[in-house]
Amino acid sequence: MSRTFQYTERPCGVVLGRRGLIKVVGVCAVVAGATGWGVVELLANRNCILLARQAGLYKDDKLCQKQQLTSSHDNPTVRRIYKDFSASPMDDKMYSLLHTHFSQRSLLALHH
């Protein structure tokens, strides 16, 4: 009672034909090229933004080093804030005013 079945696939030429296959390959090539170009443009814009930010941070660091402000508690402006608020660096009020917190930004879109 055992039956043997044999399945054969139809050749591609029967489904599409030569011209149809060339059209499909051409459309796929255009789509792949356009997608690749868009990704390259996106990465180029992102790199420009990152390089500009990096240059700004280095510029700020050099300015702080020139003024010998290598730590935030040595900054005269911060010292004046502590004096004006009659607070110390670890007070809750100073912590809420001067400290930053991490915000997830990886999902934000970059606009150029």
PDB file of N, CA and C in Angstrom:
ATOM      1  N   MET A   1       0.790  -1.194   0.000  1.00  0.00           N
ATOM      2  CA  MET A   1       0.000   0.000   0.000  1.00  0.00           C
ATOM      3  C   MET A   1       0.836   1.262   0.000  1.00  0.00           C
ATOM      4  N   SER A   2       2.049   1.142  -0.226  1.00  0.00           N
ATOM      5  CA  SER A   2       2.835   2.376  -0.218  1.00  0.00           C
ATOM      6  C   SER A   2       2.848   2.963  -1.616  1.00  0.00           C
ATOM      7  N   ARG A   3       2.550   4.216  -1.664  1.00  0.00           N
ATOM      8  CA  ARG A   3       2.565   4.925  -2.937  1.00  0.00           C
ATOM      9  C   ARG A   3       3.772   5.826  -2.971  1.00  0.00           C
ATOM     10  N   THR A   4       4.299   5.997  -4.084  1.00  0.00           N
ATOM     11  CA  THR A   4       5.420   6.905  -4.256  1.00  0.00           C
ATOM     12  C   THR A   4       4.962   8.054  -5.131  1.00  0.00           C
ATOM     13  N   PHE A   5       5.182   9.259  -4.597  1.00  0.00           N
ATOM     14  CA  PHE A   5       4.835  10.453  -5.352  1.00  0.00           C
ATOM     15  C   PHE A   5       6.117  11.148  -5.763  1.00  0.00           C
ATOM     16  N   GLN A   6       6.091  11.688  -6.914  1.00  0.00           N
ATOM     17  CA  GLN A   6       7.253  12.433  -7.379  1.00  0.00           C
ATOM     18  C   GLN A   6       6.788  13.826  -7.771  1.00  0.00           C
ATOM     19  N   TYR A   7       7.445  14.825  -7.199  1.00  0.00           N
ATOM     20  CA  TYR A   7       7.074  16.211  -7.468  1.00  0.00           C
ATOM     21  C   TYR A   7       8.197  16.865  -8.248  1.00  0.00           C
ATOM     22  N   THR A   8       7.837  17.461  -9.330  1.00  0.00           N
ATOM     23  CA  THR A   8       8.834  18.206 -10.107  1.00  0.00           C
ATOM     24  C   THR A   8       8.346  19.644 -10.252  1.00  0.00           C
ATOM     25  N   GLU A   9       9.274  20.570 -10.071  1.00  0.00           N
ATOM     26  CA  GLU A   9       8.929  21.978 -10.209  1.00  0.00           C
ATOM     27  C   GLU A   9       8.948  22.365 -11.672  1.00  0.00           C
ATOM     28  N   ARG A  10       8.099  23.320 -11.986  1.00  0.00           N
ATOM     29  CA  ARG A  10       8.094  23.817 -13.348  1.00  0.00           C
ATOM     30  C   ARG A  10       9.332  24.676 -13.555  1.00  0.00           C
ATOM     31  N   PRO A  11       9.925  24.618 -14.693  1.00  0.00           N
ATOM     32  CA  PRO A  11      11.085  25.471 -14.950  1.00  0.00           C
ATOM     33  C   PRO A  11      10.684  26.943 -14.926  1.00  0.00           C
ATOM     34  N   CYS A  12      11.631  27.792 -14.610  1.00  0.00           N
ATOM     35  CA  CYS A  12      11.386  29.232 -14.495  1.00  0.00           C
ATOM     36  C   CYS A  12      10.871  29.805 -15.816  1.00  0.00           C
ATOM     37  N   GLY A  13      11.325  29.277 -16.905  1.00  0.00           N
ATOM     38  CA  GLY A  13      10.915  29.776 -18.211  1.00  0.00           C
ATOM     39  C   GLY A  13       9.423  29.632 -18.454  1.00  0.00           C
ATOM     40  N   VAL A  14       8.810  28.637 -17.865  1.00  0.00           N
ATOM     41  CA  VAL A  14       7.383  28.436 -18.037  1.00  0.00           C
ATOM     42  C   VAL A  14       6.609  29.489 -17.246  1.00  0.00           C
ATOM     43  N   VAL A  15       7.133  29.878 -16.079  1.00  0.00           N
ATOM     44  CA  VAL A  15       6.442  30.834 -15.222  1.00  0.00           C
ATOM     45  C   VAL A  15       6.607  32.246 -15.756  1.00  0.00           C
ATOM     46  N   LEU A  16       7.841  32.665 -16.051  1.00  0.00           N
ATOM     47  CA  LEU A  16       8.099  34.042 -16.444  1.00  0.00           C
ATOM     48  C   LEU A  16       8.428  34.227 -17.921  1.00  0.00           C
ATOM     49  N   GLY A  17       9.263  33.433 -18.402  1.00  0.00           N
ATOM     50  CA  GLY A  17       9.759  33.665 -19.750  1.00  0.00           C
ATOM     51  C   GLY A  17      11.014  34.528 -19.679  1.00  0.00           C
ATOM     52  N   ARG A  18      11.732  34.587 -20.780  1.00  0.00           N
ATOM     53  CA  ARG A  18      13.023  35.288 -20.788  1.00  0.00           C
ATOM     54  C   ARG A  18      12.849  36.784 -20.559  1.00  0.00           C
ATOM     55  N   ARG A  19      11.955  37.421 -21.277  1.00  0.00           N
ATOM     56  CA  ARG A  19      11.751  38.870 -21.132  1.00  0.00           C
ATOM     57  C   ARG A  19      11.186  39.215 -19.754  1.00  0.00           C
ATOM     58  N   GLY A  20      10.285  38.407 -19.272  1.00  0.00           N
ATOM     59  CA  GLY A  20       9.731  38.645 -17.936  1.00  0.00           C
ATOM     60  C   GLY A  20      10.805  38.555 -16.856  1.00  0.00           C
ATOM     61  N   LEU A  21      11.702  37.573 -16.989  1.00  0.00           N
ATOM     62  CA  LEU A  21      12.791  37.429 -16.033  1.00  0.00           C
ATOM     63  C   LEU A  21      13.715  38.643 -16.077  1.00  0.00           C
ATOM     64  N   ILE A  22      14.023  39.140 -17.263  1.00  0.00           N
ATOM     65  CA  ILE A  22      14.883  40.323 -17.400  1.00  0.00           C
ATOM     66  C   ILE A  22      14.211  41.537 -16.761  1.00  0.00           C
ATOM     67  N   LYS A  23      12.897  41.684 -16.946  1.00  0.00           N
ATOM     68  CA  LYS A  23      12.180  42.802 -16.323  1.00  0.00           C
ATOM     69  C   LYS A  23      12.224  42.706 -14.795  1.00  0.00           C
ATOM     70  N   VAL A  24      11.999  41.529 -14.261  1.00  0.00           N
ATOM     71  CA  VAL A  24      12.020  41.344 -12.805  1.00  0.00           C
ATOM     72  C   VAL A  24      13.409  41.642 -12.250  1.00  0.00           C
ATOM     73  N   VAL A  25      14.439  41.148 -12.904  1.00  0.00           N
ATOM     74  CA  VAL A  25      15.813  41.410 -12.460  1.00  0.00           C
ATOM     75  C   VAL A  25      16.115  42.903 -12.537  1.00  0.00           C
ATOM     76  N   GLY A  26      15.659  43.572 -13.574  1.00  0.00           N
ATOM     77  CA  GLY A  26      15.875  45.016 -13.703  1.00  0.00           C
ATOM     78  C   GLY A  26      15.196  45.802 -12.600  1.00  0.00           C
ATOM     79  N   VAL A  27      13.954  45.452 -12.298  1.00  0.00           N
ATOM     80  CA  VAL A  27      13.235  46.136 -11.215  1.00  0.00           C
ATOM     81  C   VAL A  27      13.938  45.895  -9.881  1.00  0.00           C
ATOM     82  N   CYS A  28      14.363  44.674  -9.638  1.00  0.00           N
ATOM     83  CA  CYS A  28      15.080  44.371  -8.386  1.00  0.00           C
ATOM     84  C   CYS A  28      16.376  45.169  -8.292  1.00  0.00           C
ATOM     85  N   ALA A  29      17.089  45.319  -9.400  1.00  0.00           N
ATOM     86  CA  ALA A  29      18.337  46.085  -9.397  1.00  0.00           C
ATOM     87  C   ALA A  29      18.075  47.556  -9.104  1.00  0.00           C
ATOM     88  N   VAL A  30      17.020  48.118  -9.684  1.00  0.00           N
ATOM     89  CA  VAL A  30      16.683  49.526  -9.435  1.00  0.00           C
ATOM     90  C   VAL A  30      16.306  49.735  -7.972  1.00  0.00           C
ATOM     91  N   VAL A  31      15.499  48.845  -7.431  1.00  0.00           N
ATOM     92  CA  VAL A  31      15.095  48.960  -6.026  1.00  0.00           C
ATOM     93  C   VAL A  31      16.311  48.840  -5.107  1.00  0.00           C
ATOM     94  N   ALA A  32      17.179  47.886  -5.378  1.00  0.00           N
ATOM     95  CA  ALA A  32      18.377  47.710  -4.549  1.00  0.00           C
ATOM     96  C   ALA A  32      19.291  48.927  -4.650  1.00  0.00           C
ATOM     97  N   GLY A  33      19.445  49.484  -5.841  1.00  0.00           N
ATOM     98  CA  GLY A  33      20.281  50.671  -6.014  1.00  0.00           C
ATOM     99  C   GLY A  33      19.724  51.882  -5.298  1.00  0.00           C
ATOM    100  N   ALA A  34      18.417  52.096  -5.400  1.00  0.00           N
ATOM    101  CA  ALA A  34      17.795  53.244  -4.730  1.00  0.00           C
ATOM    102  C   ALA A  34      17.887  53.105  -3.213  1.00  0.00           C
ATOM    103  N   THR A  35      17.674  51.912  -2.715  1.00  0.00           N
ATOM    104  CA  THR A  35      17.772  51.677  -1.275  1.00  0.00           C
ATOM    105  C   THR A  35      19.199  51.895  -0.798  1.00  0.00           C
ATOM    106  N   GLY A  36      20.152  51.384  -1.540  1.00  0.00           N
ATOM    107  CA  GLY A  36      21.562  51.575  -1.182  1.00  0.00           C
ATOM    108  C   GLY A  36      21.946  53.037  -1.182  1.00  0.00           C
ATOM    109  N   TRP A  37      21.485  53.803  -2.164  1.00  0.00           N
ATOM    110  CA  TRP A  37      21.793  55.232  -2.238  1.00  0.00           C
ATOM    111  C   TRP A  37      21.198  55.964  -1.040  1.00  0.00           C
ATOM    112  N   GLY A  38      19.978  55.616  -0.664  1.00  0.00           N
ATOM    113  CA  GLY A  38      19.347  56.252   0.495  1.00  0.00           C
ATOM    114  C   GLY A  38      20.101  55.979   1.785  1.00  0.00           C
ATOM    115  N   VAL A  39      20.576  54.756   1.946  1.00  0.00           N
ATOM    116  CA  VAL A  39      21.343  54.409   3.142  1.00  0.00           C
ATOM    117  C   VAL A  39      22.653  55.176   3.175  1.00  0.00           C
ATOM    118  N   VAL A  40      23.316  55.301   2.032  1.00  0.00           N
ATOM    119  CA  VAL A  40      24.578  56.050   1.964  1.00  0.00           C
ATOM    120  C   VAL A  40      24.343  57.512   2.323  1.00  0.00           C
ATOM    121  N   GLU A  41      23.282  58.112   1.798  1.00  0.00           N
ATOM    122  CA  GLU A  41      22.964  59.509   2.120  1.00  0.00           C
ATOM    123  C   GLU A  41      22.677  59.671   3.611  1.00  0.00           C
ATOM    124  N   LEU A  42      21.921  58.751   4.180  1.00  0.00           N
ATOM    125  CA  LEU A  42      21.595  58.814   5.602  1.00  0.00           C
ATOM    126  C   LEU A  42      22.856  58.740   6.457  1.00  0.00           C
ATOM    127  N   LEU A  43      23.747  57.820   6.121  1.00  0.00           N
ATOM    128  CA  LEU A  43      24.987  57.686   6.886  1.00  0.00           C
ATOM    129  C   LEU A  43      25.886  58.898   6.711  1.00  0.00           C
ATOM    130  N   ALA A  44      25.937  59.468   5.522  1.00  0.00           N
ATOM    131  CA  ALA A  44      26.767  60.650   5.291  1.00  0.00           C
ATOM    132  C   ALA A  44      26.257  61.827   6.120  1.00  0.00           C
ATOM    133  N   ASN A  45      24.946  62.046   6.157  1.00  0.00           N
ATOM    134  CA  ASN A  45      24.374  63.124   6.966  1.00  0.00           C
ATOM    135  C   ASN A  45      24.620  62.885   8.448  1.00  0.00           C
ATOM    136  N   ARG A  46      24.464  61.650   8.881  1.00  0.00           N
ATOM    137  CA  ARG A  46      24.676  61.323  10.290  1.00  0.00           C
ATOM    138  C   ARG A  46      26.132  61.557  10.666  1.00  0.00           C
ATOM    139  N   ASN A  47      27.053  61.172   9.800  1.00  0.00           N
ATOM    140  CA  ASN A  47      28.468  61.371  10.093  1.00  0.00           C
ATOM    141  C   ASN A  47      28.814  62.850  10.165  1.00  0.00           C
ATOM    142  N   CYS A  48      28.226  63.679   9.312  1.00  0.00           N
ATOM    143  CA  CYS A  48      28.469  65.128   9.369  1.00  0.00           C
ATOM    144  C   CYS A  48      28.010  65.692  10.707  1.00  0.00           C
ATOM    145  N   ILE A  49      26.853  65.270  11.166  1.00  0.00           N
ATOM    146  CA  ILE A  49      26.327  65.749  12.445  1.00  0.00           C
ATOM    147  C   ILE A  49      27.220  65.292  13.593  1.00  0.00           C
ATOM    148  N   LEU A  50      27.630  64.029  13.569  1.00  0.00           N
ATOM    149  CA  LEU A  50      28.485  63.518  14.637  1.00  0.00           C
ATOM    150  C   LEU A  50      29.844  64.204  14.649  1.00  0.00           C
ATOM    151  N   LEU A  51      30.418  64.458  13.483  1.00  0.00           N
ATOM    152  CA  LEU A  51      31.715  65.134  13.422  1.00  0.00           C
ATOM    153  C   LEU A  51      31.616  66.572  13.913  1.00  0.00           C
ATOM    154  N   ALA A  52      30.525  67.257  13.595  1.00  0.00           N
ATOM    155  CA  ALA A  52      30.340  68.629  14.078  1.00  0.00           C
ATOM    156  C   ALA A  52      30.192  68.645  15.596  1.00  0.00           C
ATOM    157  N   ARG A  53      29.466  67.703  16.137  1.00  0.00           N
ATOM    158  CA  ARG A  53      29.304  67.620  17.594  1.00  0.00           C
ATOM    159  C   ARG A  53      30.642  67.308  18.256  1.00  0.00           C
ATOM    160  N   GLN A  54      31.394  66.389  17.671  1.00  0.00           N
ATOM    161  CA  GLN A  54      32.704  66.034  18.215  1.00  0.00           C
ATOM    162  C   GLN A  54      33.636  67.244  18.217  1.00  0.00           C
ATOM    163  N   ALA A  55      33.649  68.003  17.138  1.00  0.00           N
ATOM    164  CA  ALA A  55      34.500  69.194  17.059  1.00  0.00           C
ATOM    165  C   ALA A  55      34.094  70.219  18.119  1.00  0.00           C
ATOM    166  N   GLY A  56      32.794  70.382  18.340  1.00  0.00           N
ATOM    167  CA  GLY A  56      32.320  71.312  19.361  1.00  0.00           C
ATOM    168  C   GLY A  56      32.734  70.891  20.764  1.00  0.00           C
ATOM    169  N   LEU A  57      32.655  69.590  21.041  1.00  0.00           N
ATOM    170  CA  LEU A  57      33.057  69.104  22.361  1.00  0.00           C
ATOM    171  C   LEU A  57      34.551  69.295  22.591  1.00  0.00           C
ATOM    172  N   TYR A  58      35.363  69.015  21.565  1.00  0.00           N
ATOM    173  CA  TYR A  58      36.811  69.223  21.695  1.00  0.00           C
ATOM    174  C   TYR A  58      37.128  70.701  21.900  1.00  0.00           C
ATOM    175  N   LYS A  59      36.409  71.562  21.196  1.00  0.00           N
ATOM    176  CA  LYS A  59      36.622  73.006  21.345  1.00  0.00           C
ATOM    177  C   LYS A  59      36.298  73.447  22.773  1.00  0.00           C
ATOM    178  N   ASP A  60      35.178  72.968  23.311  1.00  0.00           N
ATOM    179  CA  ASP A  60      34.803  73.306  24.689  1.00  0.00           C
ATOM    180  C   ASP A  60      35.821  72.771  25.692  1.00  0.00           C
ATOM    181  N   ASP A  61      36.307  71.551  25.464  1.00  0.00           N
ATOM    182  CA  ASP A  61      37.301  70.977  26.372  1.00  0.00           C
ATOM    183  C   ASP A  61      38.596  71.783  26.363  1.00  0.00           C
ATOM    184  N   LYS A  62      39.033  72.204  25.179  1.00  0.00           N
ATOM    185  CA  LYS A  62      40.259  73.005  25.096  1.00  0.00           C
ATOM    186  C   LYS A  62      40.090  74.340  25.805  1.00  0.00           C
ATOM    187  N   LEU A  63      38.915  74.948  25.661  1.00  0.00           N
ATOM    188  CA  LEU A  63      38.644  76.215  26.338  1.00  0.00           C
ATOM    189  C   LEU A  63      38.668  76.033  27.858  1.00  0.00           C
ATOM    190  N   CYS A  64      38.072  74.961  28.348  1.00  0.00           N
ATOM    191  CA  CYS A  64      38.073  74.691  29.790  1.00  0.00           C
ATOM    192  C   CYS A  64      39.485  74.402  30.300  1.00  0.00           C
ATOM    193  N   GLN A  65      40.282  73.683  29.518  1.00  0.00           N
ATOM    194  CA  GLN A  65      41.655  73.404  29.933  1.00  0.00           C
ATOM    195  C   GLN A  65      42.496  74.672  29.940  1.00  0.00           C
ATOM    196  N   LYS A  66      42.248  75.568  28.990  1.00  0.00           N
ATOM    197  CA  LYS A  66      42.981  76.826  28.940  1.00  0.00           C
ATOM    198  C   LYS A  66      42.687  77.662  30.184  1.00  0.00           C
ATOM    199  N   GLN A  67      41.448  77.612  30.660  1.00  0.00           N
ATOM    200  CA  GLN A  67      41.056  78.364  31.849  1.00  0.00           C
ATOM    201  C   GLN A  67      41.249  77.556  33.131  1.00  0.00           C
ATOM    202  N   GLN A  68      41.853  76.376  33.004  1.00  0.00           N
ATOM    203  CA  GLN A  68      42.128  75.466  34.123  1.00  0.00           C
ATOM    204  C   GLN A  68      40.855  75.083  34.872  1.00  0.00           C
ATOM    205  N   LEU A  69      39.821  74.797  34.121  1.00  0.00           N
ATOM    206  CA  LEU A  69      38.549  74.327  34.681  1.00  0.00           C
ATOM    207  C   LEU A  69      38.376  72.852  34.334  1.00  0.00           C
ATOM    208  N   THR A  70      39.206  72.021  34.919  1.00  0.00           N
ATOM    209  CA  THR A  70      39.156  70.607  34.560  1.00  0.00           C
ATOM    210  C   THR A  70      38.131  69.823  35.365  1.00  0.00           C
ATOM    211  N   SER A  71      37.596  70.399  36.424  1.00  0.00           N
ATOM    212  CA  SER A  71      36.528  69.737  37.178  1.00  0.00           C
ATOM    213  C   SER A  71      35.443  70.763  37.493  1.00  0.00           C
ATOM    214  N   SER A  72      34.215  70.314  37.529  1.00  0.00           N
ATOM    215  CA  SER A  72      33.086  71.243  37.627  1.00  0.00           C
ATOM    216  C   SER A  72      33.056  72.010  38.943  1.00  0.00           C
ATOM    217  N   HIS A  73      33.508  71.409  40.038  1.00  0.00           N
ATOM    218  CA  HIS A  73      33.440  72.119  41.316  1.00  0.00           C
ATOM    219  C   HIS A  73      34.499  73.225  41.425  1.00  0.00           C
ATOM    220  N   ASP A  74      35.459  73.280  40.485  1.00  0.00           N
ATOM    221  CA  ASP A  74      36.439  74.371  40.454  1.00  0.00           C
ATOM    222  C   ASP A  74      35.941  75.563  39.646  1.00  0.00           C
ATOM    223  N   ASN A  75      34.849  75.409  38.963  1.00  0.00           N
ATOM    224  CA  ASN A  75      34.316  76.462  38.112  1.00  0.00           C
ATOM    225  C   ASN A  75      33.790  77.615  38.980  1.00  0.00           C
ATOM    226  N   PRO A  76      34.244  78.860  38.729  1.00  0.00           N
ATOM    227  CA  PRO A  76      33.789  79.987  39.550  1.00  0.00           C
ATOM    228  C   PRO A  76      32.279  80.217  39.484  1.00  0.00           C
ATOM    229  N   THR A  77      31.679  79.946  38.348  1.00  0.00           N
ATOM    230  CA  THR A  77      30.227  80.110  38.221  1.00  0.00           C
ATOM    231  C   THR A  77      29.492  79.125  39.126  1.00  0.00           C
ATOM    232  N   VAL A  78      29.952  77.890  39.143  1.00  0.00           N
ATOM    233  CA  VAL A  78      29.323  76.876  39.994  1.00  0.00           C
ATOM    234  C   VAL A  78      29.541  77.227  41.466  1.00  0.00           C
ATOM    235  N   ARG A  79      30.735  77.698  41.803  1.00  0.00           N
ATOM    236  CA  ARG A  79      30.993  78.111  43.196  1.00  0.00           C
ATOM    237  C   ARG A  79      30.058  79.251  43.612  1.00  0.00           C
ATOM    238  N   ARG A  80      29.827  80.195  42.695  1.00  0.00           N
ATOM    239  CA  ARG A  80      28.923  81.302  42.998  1.00  0.00           C
ATOM    240  C   ARG A  80      27.492  80.796  43.205  1.00  0.00           C
ATOM    241  N   ILE A  81      27.078  79.821  42.426  1.00  0.00           N
ATOM    242  CA  ILE A  81      25.740  79.235  42.595  1.00  0.00           C
ATOM    243  C   ILE A  81      25.628  78.584  43.970  1.00  0.00           C
ATOM    244  N   TYR A  82      26.659  77.830  44.373  1.00  0.00           N
ATOM    245  CA  TYR A  82      26.646  77.228  45.704  1.00  0.00           C
ATOM    246  C   TYR A  82      26.532  78.303  46.777  1.00  0.00           C
ATOM    247  N   LYS A  83      27.268  79.396  46.606  1.00  0.00           N
ATOM    248  CA  LYS A  83      27.257  80.480  47.596  1.00  0.00           C
ATOM    249  C   LYS A  83      25.888  81.169  47.632  1.00  0.00           C
ATOM    250  N   ASP A  84      25.319  81.463  46.448  1.00  0.00           N
ATOM    251  CA  ASP A  84      24.028  82.157  46.373  1.00  0.00           C
ATOM    252  C   ASP A  84      22.893  81.339  46.980  1.00  0.00           C
ATOM    253  N   PHE A  85      22.945  80.021  46.800  1.00  0.00           N
ATOM    254  CA  PHE A  85      21.885  79.162  47.318  1.00  0.00           C
ATOM    255  C   PHE A  85      22.193  78.640  48.717  1.00  0.00           C
ATOM    256  N   SER A  86      23.336  79.045  49.273  1.00  0.00           N
ATOM    257  CA  SER A  86      23.769  78.573  50.601  1.00  0.00           C
ATOM    258  C   SER A  86      23.699  77.055  50.665  1.00  0.00           C
ATOM    259  N   ALA A  87      24.340  76.423  49.702  1.00  0.00           N
ATOM    260  CA  ALA A  87      24.258  74.970  49.600  1.00  0.00           C
ATOM    261  C   ALA A  87      25.651  74.388  49.402  1.00  0.00           C
ATOM    262  N   SER A  88      25.716  73.081  49.513  1.00  0.00           N
ATOM    263  CA  SER A  88      26.960  72.360  49.241  1.00  0.00           C
ATOM    264  C   SER A  88      26.742  71.469  48.018  1.00  0.00           C
ATOM    265  N   PRO A  89      27.833  70.944  47.456  1.00  0.00           N
ATOM    266  CA  PRO A  89      27.692  70.171  46.205  1.00  0.00           C
ATOM    267  C   PRO A  89      26.758  68.967  46.283  1.00  0.00           C
ATOM    268  N   MET A  90      26.603  68.356  47.434  1.00  0.00           N
ATOM    269  CA  MET A  90      25.798  67.137  47.501  1.00  0.00           C
ATOM    270  C   MET A  90      24.380  67.362  48.034  1.00  0.00           C
ATOM    271  N   ASP A  91      23.953  68.608  48.185  1.00  0.00           N
ATOM    272  CA  ASP A  91      22.585  68.876  48.638  1.00  0.00           C
ATOM    273  C   ASP A  91      21.572  68.435  47.586  1.00  0.00           C
ATOM    274  N   ASP A  92      20.382  68.101  48.037  1.00  0.00           N
ATOM    275  CA  ASP A  92      19.325  67.675  47.114  1.00  0.00           C
ATOM    276  C   ASP A  92      18.959  68.780  46.130  1.00  0.00           C
ATOM    277  N   LYS A  93      18.929  70.013  46.618  1.00  0.00           N
ATOM    278  CA  LYS A  93      18.579  71.141  45.755  1.00  0.00           C
ATOM    279  C   LYS A  93      19.610  71.301  44.630  1.00  0.00           C
ATOM    280  N   MET A  94      20.893  71.219  44.980  1.00  0.00           N
ATOM    281  CA  MET A  94      21.947  71.364  43.971  1.00  0.00           C
ATOM    282  C   MET A  94      21.950  70.183  43.009  1.00  0.00           C
ATOM    283  N   TYR A  95      21.662  69.010  43.539  1.00  0.00           N
ATOM    284  CA  TYR A  95      21.612  67.837  42.671  1.00  0.00           C
ATOM    285  C   TYR A  95      20.521  68.002  41.616  1.00  0.00           C
ATOM    286  N   SER A  96      19.352  68.476  42.037  1.00  0.00           N
ATOM    287  CA  SER A  96      18.249  68.629  41.080  1.00  0.00           C
ATOM    288  C   SER A  96      18.512  69.758  40.086  1.00  0.00           C
ATOM    289  N   LEU A  97      19.269  70.793  40.492  1.00  0.00           N
ATOM    290  CA  LEU A  97      19.525  71.920  39.592  1.00  0.00           C
ATOM    291  C   LEU A  97      20.685  71.684  38.633  1.00  0.00           C
ATOM    292  N   LEU A  98      21.730  71.009  39.088  1.00  0.00           N
ATOM    293  CA  LEU A  98      22.971  70.960  38.313  1.00  0.00           C
ATOM    294  C   LEU A  98      23.268  69.625  37.650  1.00  0.00           C
ATOM    295  N   HIS A  99      22.655  68.554  38.074  1.00  0.00           N
ATOM    296  CA  HIS A  99      22.990  67.253  37.509  1.00  0.00           C
ATOM    297  C   HIS A  99      22.052  66.905  36.357  1.00  0.00           C
ATOM    298  N   THR A 100      22.585  66.173  35.419  1.00  0.00           N
ATOM    299  CA  THR A 100      21.800  65.763  34.253  1.00  0.00           C
ATOM    300  C   THR A 100      21.417  64.294  34.384  1.00  0.00           C
ATOM    301  N   HIS A 101      20.444  63.896  33.611  1.00  0.00           N
ATOM    302  CA  HIS A 101      19.982  62.517  33.618  1.00  0.00           C
ATOM    303  C   HIS A 101      19.949  62.007  32.182  1.00  0.00           C
ATOM    304  N   PHE A 102      20.163  60.724  32.032  1.00  0.00           N
ATOM    305  CA  PHE A 102      20.187  60.094  30.717  1.00  0.00           C
ATOM    306  C   PHE A 102      18.778  60.011  30.149  1.00  0.00           C
ATOM    307  N   SER A 103      18.653  60.347  28.883  1.00  0.00           N
ATOM    308  CA  SER A 103      17.394  60.189  28.157  1.00  0.00           C
ATOM    309  C   SER A 103      17.657  59.350  26.921  1.00  0.00           C
ATOM    310  N   GLN A 104      16.828  58.363  26.690  1.00  0.00           N
ATOM    311  CA  GLN A 104      16.992  57.498  25.523  1.00  0.00           C
ATOM    312  C   GLN A 104      16.678  58.302  24.270  1.00  0.00           C
ATOM    313  N   ARG A 105      17.669  58.462  23.399  1.00  0.00           N
ATOM    314  CA  ARG A 105      17.476  59.259  22.192  1.00  0.00           C
ATOM    315  C   ARG A 105      17.731  58.463  20.914  1.00  0.00           C
ATOM    316  N   SER A 106      17.952  57.187  21.035  1.00  0.00           N
ATOM    317  CA  SER A 106      18.282  56.409  19.846  1.00  0.00           C
ATOM    318  C   SER A 106      17.097  56.282  18.895  1.00  0.00           C
ATOM    319  N   LEU A 107      15.885  56.520  19.366  1.00  0.00           N
ATOM    320  CA  LEU A 107      14.714  56.390  18.509  1.00  0.00           C
ATOM    321  C   LEU A 107      14.330  57.704  17.842  1.00  0.00           C
ATOM    322  N   LEU A 108      15.036  58.797  18.179  1.00  0.00           N
ATOM    323  CA  LEU A 108      14.719  60.088  17.585  1.00  0.00           C
ATOM    324  C   LEU A 108      15.304  60.180  16.182  1.00  0.00           C
ATOM    325  N   ALA A 109      14.627  60.869  15.309  1.00  0.00           N
ATOM    326  CA  ALA A 109      15.102  61.041  13.935  1.00  0.00           C
ATOM    327  C   ALA A 109      16.071  62.211  13.880  1.00  0.00           C
ATOM    328  N   LEU A 110      17.127  62.057  13.096  1.00  0.00           N
ATOM    329  CA  LEU A 110      18.077  63.145  12.888  1.00  0.00           C
ATOM    330  C   LEU A 110      17.601  63.989  11.721  1.00  0.00           C
ATOM    331  N   HIS A 111      17.467  65.279  11.930  1.00  0.00           N
ATOM    332  CA  HIS A 111      17.077  66.193  10.863  1.00  0.00           C
ATOM    333  C   HIS A 111      18.266  67.070  10.541  1.00  0.00           C
ATOM    334  N   HIS A 112      18.540  67.216   9.271  1.00  0.00           N
ATOM    335  CA  HIS A 112      19.708  68.005   8.851  1.00  0.00           C
ATOM    336  C   HIS A 112      19.259  69.245   8.133  1.00  0.00           C
TER     337      HIS A 112
END
